Amino acid sequence: IDPAMKTEDRLIDGCQSQVWLAAHLSDGKVFYTADSDAIITRGMVSLLIRVFSGHTPDEIANAELYMVDRIGLTSHLSPTRSNGLLSMIKRMKTYAKAHLT
C-alpha cells in the first residue's frame, strides 16, 4: 500500500497491530490493498486480499470463508489475533457492501 494511504480512516479497529486497508472498484469488481506493521498480520491480510480481490461486491458480501477453518488458521492464533482476522474480514465485506448497486 502506498504510504500516503496509511491514514487513520483506513486503519482497521479491533486488530492487535496496525492494519491499513484500501479498496477500489474497477469494472464492477472490488480490489484491495493493505499493509500492517506486524509480519503475521501482513500475511493474514495478504491471504484475504488473494481471496476477495477481483470479485463483485455481491460475491464478497455473501462469501463464506470456509478456508479459514479448513486450514486451521484460527487454532494457531491468539484470541486477539483471531478477533483481528474477523475485523479484517468484516471491513472488507463492508467496503464491498458500500459498492452494491
N, C-alpha and C. Protein backbone atom coordinates (compact mmCIF):
# COMPACT_ATOMS: atom_id res chain seq x y z
N ILE A 1 0.86 -1.18 0.00
CA ILE A 1 0.00 0.00 0.00
C ILE A 1 0.91 1.24 0.00
N ASP A 2 0.50 2.21 -0.74
CA ASP A 2 1.23 3.48 -0.80
C ASP A 2 1.25 4.11 0.59
N PRO A 3 2.42 4.54 1.05
CA PRO A 3 2.50 5.16 2.39
C PRO A 3 1.51 6.31 2.59
N ALA A 4 1.17 7.02 1.53
CA ALA A 4 0.21 8.11 1.63
C ALA A 4 -1.19 7.61 1.97
N MET A 5 -1.44 6.33 1.74
CA MET A 5 -2.76 5.75 2.03
C MET A 5 -2.85 5.21 3.46
N LYS A 6 -1.77 5.28 4.20
CA LYS A 6 -1.79 4.82 5.59
C LYS A 6 -2.36 5.92 6.48
N THR A 7 -3.65 6.10 6.35
CA THR A 7 -4.35 7.15 7.08
C THR A 7 -5.24 6.55 8.16
N GLU A 8 -5.64 7.38 9.09
CA GLU A 8 -6.46 6.95 10.22
C GLU A 8 -7.76 6.28 9.76
N ASP A 9 -8.38 6.81 8.71
CA ASP A 9 -9.65 6.25 8.24
C ASP A 9 -9.49 4.88 7.58
N ARG A 10 -8.28 4.50 7.24
CA ARG A 10 -8.05 3.18 6.64
C ARG A 10 -7.57 2.15 7.67
N LEU A 11 -7.34 2.58 8.91
CA LEU A 11 -6.95 1.65 9.96
C LEU A 11 -8.13 0.77 10.34
N ILE A 12 -7.86 -0.51 10.57
CA ILE A 12 -8.92 -1.44 10.97
C ILE A 12 -8.94 -1.53 12.49
N ASP A 13 -10.09 -1.19 13.07
CA ASP A 13 -10.27 -1.32 14.52
C ASP A 13 -10.37 -2.79 14.89
N GLY A 14 -9.91 -3.12 16.07
CA GLY A 14 -10.03 -4.49 16.57
C GLY A 14 -8.82 -5.35 16.30
N CYS A 15 -7.82 -4.80 15.65
CA CYS A 15 -6.60 -5.56 15.38
C CYS A 15 -5.54 -5.22 16.42
N GLN A 16 -4.78 -6.24 16.80
CA GLN A 16 -3.69 -6.05 17.75
C GLN A 16 -2.61 -5.14 17.15
N SER A 17 -2.39 -5.27 15.86
CA SER A 17 -1.39 -4.48 15.14
C SER A 17 -2.11 -3.42 14.33
N GLN A 18 -1.34 -2.51 13.78
CA GLN A 18 -1.92 -1.54 12.87
C GLN A 18 -2.08 -2.19 11.51
N VAL A 19 -3.28 -2.10 10.95
CA VAL A 19 -3.58 -2.64 9.62
C VAL A 19 -4.32 -1.56 8.85
N TRP A 20 -3.78 -1.22 7.69
CA TRP A 20 -4.42 -0.25 6.81
C TRP A 20 -4.98 -1.00 5.62
N LEU A 21 -6.23 -0.70 5.27
CA LEU A 21 -6.90 -1.38 4.16
C LEU A 21 -7.55 -0.34 3.26
N ALA A 22 -7.31 -0.47 1.97
CA ALA A 22 -7.94 0.39 0.98
C ALA A 22 -8.61 -0.49 -0.06
N ALA A 23 -9.69 0.03 -0.64
CA ALA A 23 -10.41 -0.73 -1.66
C ALA A 23 -10.82 0.22 -2.79
N HIS A 24 -10.90 -0.34 -3.99
CA HIS A 24 -11.43 0.43 -5.10
C HIS A 24 -12.20 -0.52 -6.02
N LEU A 25 -13.14 0.06 -6.75
CA LEU A 25 -13.98 -0.68 -7.67
C LEU A 25 -13.49 -0.42 -9.08
N SER A 26 -13.30 -1.49 -9.86
CA SER A 26 -12.88 -1.37 -11.24
C SER A 26 -13.62 -2.42 -12.06
N ASP A 27 -14.31 -1.98 -13.09
CA ASP A 27 -15.08 -2.88 -13.96
C ASP A 27 -16.02 -3.78 -13.16
N GLY A 28 -16.65 -3.20 -12.14
CA GLY A 28 -17.63 -3.94 -11.35
C GLY A 28 -17.05 -4.90 -10.34
N LYS A 29 -15.74 -4.87 -10.16
CA LYS A 29 -15.09 -5.77 -9.21
C LYS A 29 -14.31 -4.95 -8.18
N VAL A 30 -14.22 -5.49 -6.97
CA VAL A 30 -13.52 -4.81 -5.88
C VAL A 30 -12.09 -5.33 -5.80
N PHE A 31 -11.16 -4.39 -5.60
CA PHE A 31 -9.75 -4.73 -5.44
C PHE A 31 -9.25 -4.07 -4.16
N TYR A 32 -8.46 -4.82 -3.40
CA TYR A 32 -7.96 -4.35 -2.11
C TYR A 32 -6.44 -4.23 -2.13
N THR A 33 -5.94 -3.30 -1.32
CA THR A 33 -4.53 -3.22 -0.98
C THR A 33 -4.46 -3.01 0.52
N ALA A 34 -3.40 -3.48 1.13
CA ALA A 34 -3.29 -3.37 2.59
C ALA A 34 -1.84 -3.46 3.02
N ASP A 35 -1.62 -3.09 4.27
CA ASP A 35 -0.31 -3.25 4.90
C ASP A 35 -0.52 -3.32 6.40
N SER A 36 0.48 -3.83 7.09
CA SER A 36 0.45 -3.91 8.54
C SER A 36 1.86 -3.70 9.07
N ASP A 37 1.93 -3.29 10.33
CA ASP A 37 3.24 -3.13 10.97
C ASP A 37 3.73 -4.44 11.58
N ALA A 38 2.93 -5.50 11.50
CA ALA A 38 3.32 -6.82 12.03
C ALA A 38 3.35 -7.84 10.89
N ILE A 39 4.38 -8.63 10.86
CA ILE A 39 4.56 -9.59 9.77
C ILE A 39 3.42 -10.59 9.69
N ILE A 40 3.00 -11.17 10.81
CA ILE A 40 1.94 -12.18 10.77
C ILE A 40 0.63 -11.57 10.28
N THR A 41 0.35 -10.35 10.71
CA THR A 41 -0.87 -9.69 10.28
C THR A 41 -0.80 -9.32 8.81
N ARG A 42 0.37 -8.91 8.35
CA ARG A 42 0.55 -8.62 6.93
C ARG A 42 0.28 -9.88 6.11
N GLY A 43 0.71 -11.02 6.60
CA GLY A 43 0.45 -12.28 5.91
C GLY A 43 -1.03 -12.63 5.89
N MET A 44 -1.71 -12.42 7.01
CA MET A 44 -3.14 -12.73 7.07
C MET A 44 -3.94 -11.85 6.13
N VAL A 45 -3.65 -10.54 6.13
CA VAL A 45 -4.40 -9.65 5.26
C VAL A 45 -4.06 -9.92 3.79
N SER A 46 -2.84 -10.34 3.50
CA SER A 46 -2.46 -10.70 2.13
C SER A 46 -3.27 -11.91 1.65
N LEU A 47 -3.46 -12.87 2.53
CA LEU A 47 -4.27 -14.04 2.21
C LEU A 47 -5.71 -13.62 1.89
N LEU A 48 -6.27 -12.74 2.71
CA LEU A 48 -7.63 -12.27 2.47
C LEU A 48 -7.74 -11.48 1.16
N ILE A 49 -6.71 -10.70 0.85
CA ILE A 49 -6.71 -9.96 -0.42
C ILE A 49 -6.74 -10.93 -1.59
N ARG A 50 -5.97 -12.01 -1.51
CA ARG A 50 -5.96 -13.02 -2.59
C ARG A 50 -7.34 -13.66 -2.75
N VAL A 51 -8.04 -13.85 -1.66
CA VAL A 51 -9.36 -14.48 -1.70
C VAL A 51 -10.42 -13.52 -2.25
N PHE A 52 -10.42 -12.28 -1.78
CA PHE A 52 -11.51 -11.36 -2.09
C PHE A 52 -11.30 -10.50 -3.33
N SER A 53 -10.10 -10.06 -3.62
CA SER A 53 -9.87 -9.13 -4.74
C SER A 53 -10.27 -9.75 -6.07
N GLY A 54 -10.88 -8.91 -6.91
CA GLY A 54 -11.26 -9.35 -8.24
C GLY A 54 -12.65 -9.96 -8.31
N HIS A 55 -13.39 -9.88 -7.22
CA HIS A 55 -14.76 -10.40 -7.20
C HIS A 55 -15.74 -9.24 -7.14
N THR A 56 -16.98 -9.52 -7.48
CA THR A 56 -18.01 -8.49 -7.43
C THR A 56 -18.35 -8.17 -5.98
N PRO A 57 -18.90 -6.98 -5.74
CA PRO A 57 -19.31 -6.65 -4.38
C PRO A 57 -20.28 -7.68 -3.78
N ASP A 58 -21.20 -8.18 -4.59
CA ASP A 58 -22.16 -9.17 -4.10
C ASP A 58 -21.47 -10.47 -3.70
N GLU A 59 -20.53 -10.92 -4.51
CA GLU A 59 -19.79 -12.15 -4.18
C GLU A 59 -19.03 -12.00 -2.86
N ILE A 60 -18.42 -10.85 -2.67
CA ILE A 60 -17.65 -10.62 -1.44
C ILE A 60 -18.58 -10.50 -0.24
N ALA A 61 -19.65 -9.73 -0.40
CA ALA A 61 -20.58 -9.51 0.72
C ALA A 61 -21.21 -10.82 1.20
N ASN A 62 -21.39 -11.77 0.29
CA ASN A 62 -22.06 -13.03 0.64
C ASN A 62 -21.11 -14.21 0.79
N ALA A 63 -19.82 -13.95 0.74
CA ALA A 63 -18.83 -15.04 0.81
C ALA A 63 -18.79 -15.67 2.20
N GLU A 64 -18.67 -16.97 2.22
CA GLU A 64 -18.44 -17.73 3.45
C GLU A 64 -16.99 -18.19 3.39
N LEU A 65 -16.21 -17.85 4.38
CA LEU A 65 -14.78 -18.17 4.34
C LEU A 65 -14.48 -19.48 5.05
N TYR A 66 -14.83 -20.56 4.40
CA TYR A 66 -14.57 -21.89 4.97
C TYR A 66 -13.08 -22.17 5.05
N MET A 67 -12.30 -21.52 4.21
CA MET A 67 -10.86 -21.82 4.16
C MET A 67 -10.17 -21.49 5.48
N VAL A 68 -10.66 -20.51 6.21
CA VAL A 68 -10.05 -20.16 7.50
C VAL A 68 -10.13 -21.35 8.45
N ASP A 69 -11.27 -22.02 8.46
CA ASP A 69 -11.43 -23.21 9.30
C ASP A 69 -10.70 -24.42 8.71
N ARG A 70 -10.78 -24.56 7.39
CA ARG A 70 -10.16 -25.73 6.75
C ARG A 70 -8.66 -25.80 6.96
N ILE A 71 -8.00 -24.66 6.93
CA ILE A 71 -6.55 -24.69 7.12
C ILE A 71 -6.16 -24.57 8.59
N GLY A 72 -7.15 -24.42 9.46
CA GLY A 72 -6.89 -24.37 10.89
C GLY A 72 -6.19 -23.10 11.35
N LEU A 73 -6.39 -22.03 10.61
CA LEU A 73 -5.69 -20.78 10.90
C LEU A 73 -5.97 -20.27 12.31
N THR A 74 -7.23 -20.23 12.69
CA THR A 74 -7.56 -19.63 13.99
C THR A 74 -7.01 -20.43 15.16
N SER A 75 -6.77 -21.72 14.97
CA SER A 75 -6.22 -22.52 16.07
C SER A 75 -4.76 -22.16 16.35
N HIS A 76 -4.13 -21.46 15.43
CA HIS A 76 -2.73 -21.06 15.59
C HIS A 76 -2.59 -19.58 15.98
N LEU A 77 -3.72 -18.93 16.21
CA LEU A 77 -3.69 -17.50 16.54
C LEU A 77 -4.15 -17.27 17.97
N SER A 78 -3.63 -16.23 18.58
CA SER A 78 -4.13 -15.83 19.89
C SER A 78 -5.55 -15.30 19.72
N PRO A 79 -6.33 -15.26 20.79
CA PRO A 79 -7.69 -14.71 20.68
C PRO A 79 -7.69 -13.29 20.11
N THR A 80 -6.71 -12.49 20.47
CA THR A 80 -6.64 -11.12 19.96
C THR A 80 -6.41 -11.11 18.46
N ARG A 81 -5.51 -11.95 17.97
CA ARG A 81 -5.25 -12.02 16.52
C ARG A 81 -6.45 -12.60 15.78
N SER A 82 -7.14 -13.57 16.38
CA SER A 82 -8.36 -14.12 15.76
C SER A 82 -9.41 -13.03 15.61
N ASN A 83 -9.57 -12.21 16.64
CA ASN A 83 -10.51 -11.09 16.55
C ASN A 83 -10.08 -10.12 15.46
N GLY A 84 -8.78 -9.89 15.34
CA GLY A 84 -8.27 -9.02 14.30
C GLY A 84 -8.58 -9.55 12.91
N LEU A 85 -8.44 -10.87 12.74
CA LEU A 85 -8.76 -11.50 11.46
C LEU A 85 -10.23 -11.28 11.12
N LEU A 86 -11.10 -11.47 12.10
CA LEU A 86 -12.53 -11.24 11.87
C LEU A 86 -12.81 -9.77 11.55
N SER A 87 -12.08 -8.87 12.18
CA SER A 87 -12.24 -7.44 11.89
C SER A 87 -11.82 -7.11 10.47
N MET A 88 -10.75 -7.75 9.98
CA MET A 88 -10.31 -7.53 8.60
C MET A 88 -11.37 -8.02 7.62
N ILE A 89 -11.91 -9.21 7.87
CA ILE A 89 -12.95 -9.76 7.00
C ILE A 89 -14.17 -8.85 7.00
N LYS A 90 -14.57 -8.41 8.18
CA LYS A 90 -15.74 -7.53 8.30
C LYS A 90 -15.52 -6.24 7.52
N ARG A 91 -14.34 -5.63 7.63
CA ARG A 91 -14.08 -4.38 6.92
C ARG A 91 -14.09 -4.61 5.41
N MET A 92 -13.53 -5.72 4.95
CA MET A 92 -13.53 -6.00 3.51
C MET A 92 -14.95 -6.17 3.00
N LYS A 93 -15.78 -6.84 3.76
CA LYS A 93 -17.18 -7.02 3.37
C LYS A 93 -17.93 -5.69 3.42
N THR A 94 -17.61 -4.85 4.40
CA THR A 94 -18.24 -3.53 4.50
C THR A 94 -17.91 -2.69 3.27
N TYR A 95 -16.65 -2.70 2.85
CA TYR A 95 -16.27 -1.98 1.64
C TYR A 95 -17.04 -2.51 0.43
N ALA A 96 -17.16 -3.82 0.33
CA ALA A 96 -17.89 -4.41 -0.80
C ALA A 96 -19.36 -3.99 -0.77
N LYS A 97 -19.97 -4.04 0.40
CA LYS A 97 -21.39 -3.67 0.52
C LYS A 97 -21.62 -2.22 0.14
N ALA A 98 -20.64 -1.37 0.37
CA ALA A 98 -20.76 0.05 0.00
C ALA A 98 -20.85 0.22 -1.51
N HIS A 99 -20.39 -0.78 -2.27
CA HIS A 99 -20.41 -0.70 -3.73
C HIS A 99 -21.55 -1.50 -4.36
N LEU A 100 -22.40 -2.10 -3.55
CA LEU A 100 -23.54 -2.84 -4.10
C LEU A 100 -24.50 -1.85 -4.75
N THR A 101 -25.05 -2.25 -5.89
CA THR A 101 -26.00 -1.36 -6.57
C THR A 101 -27.38 -1.94 -6.56
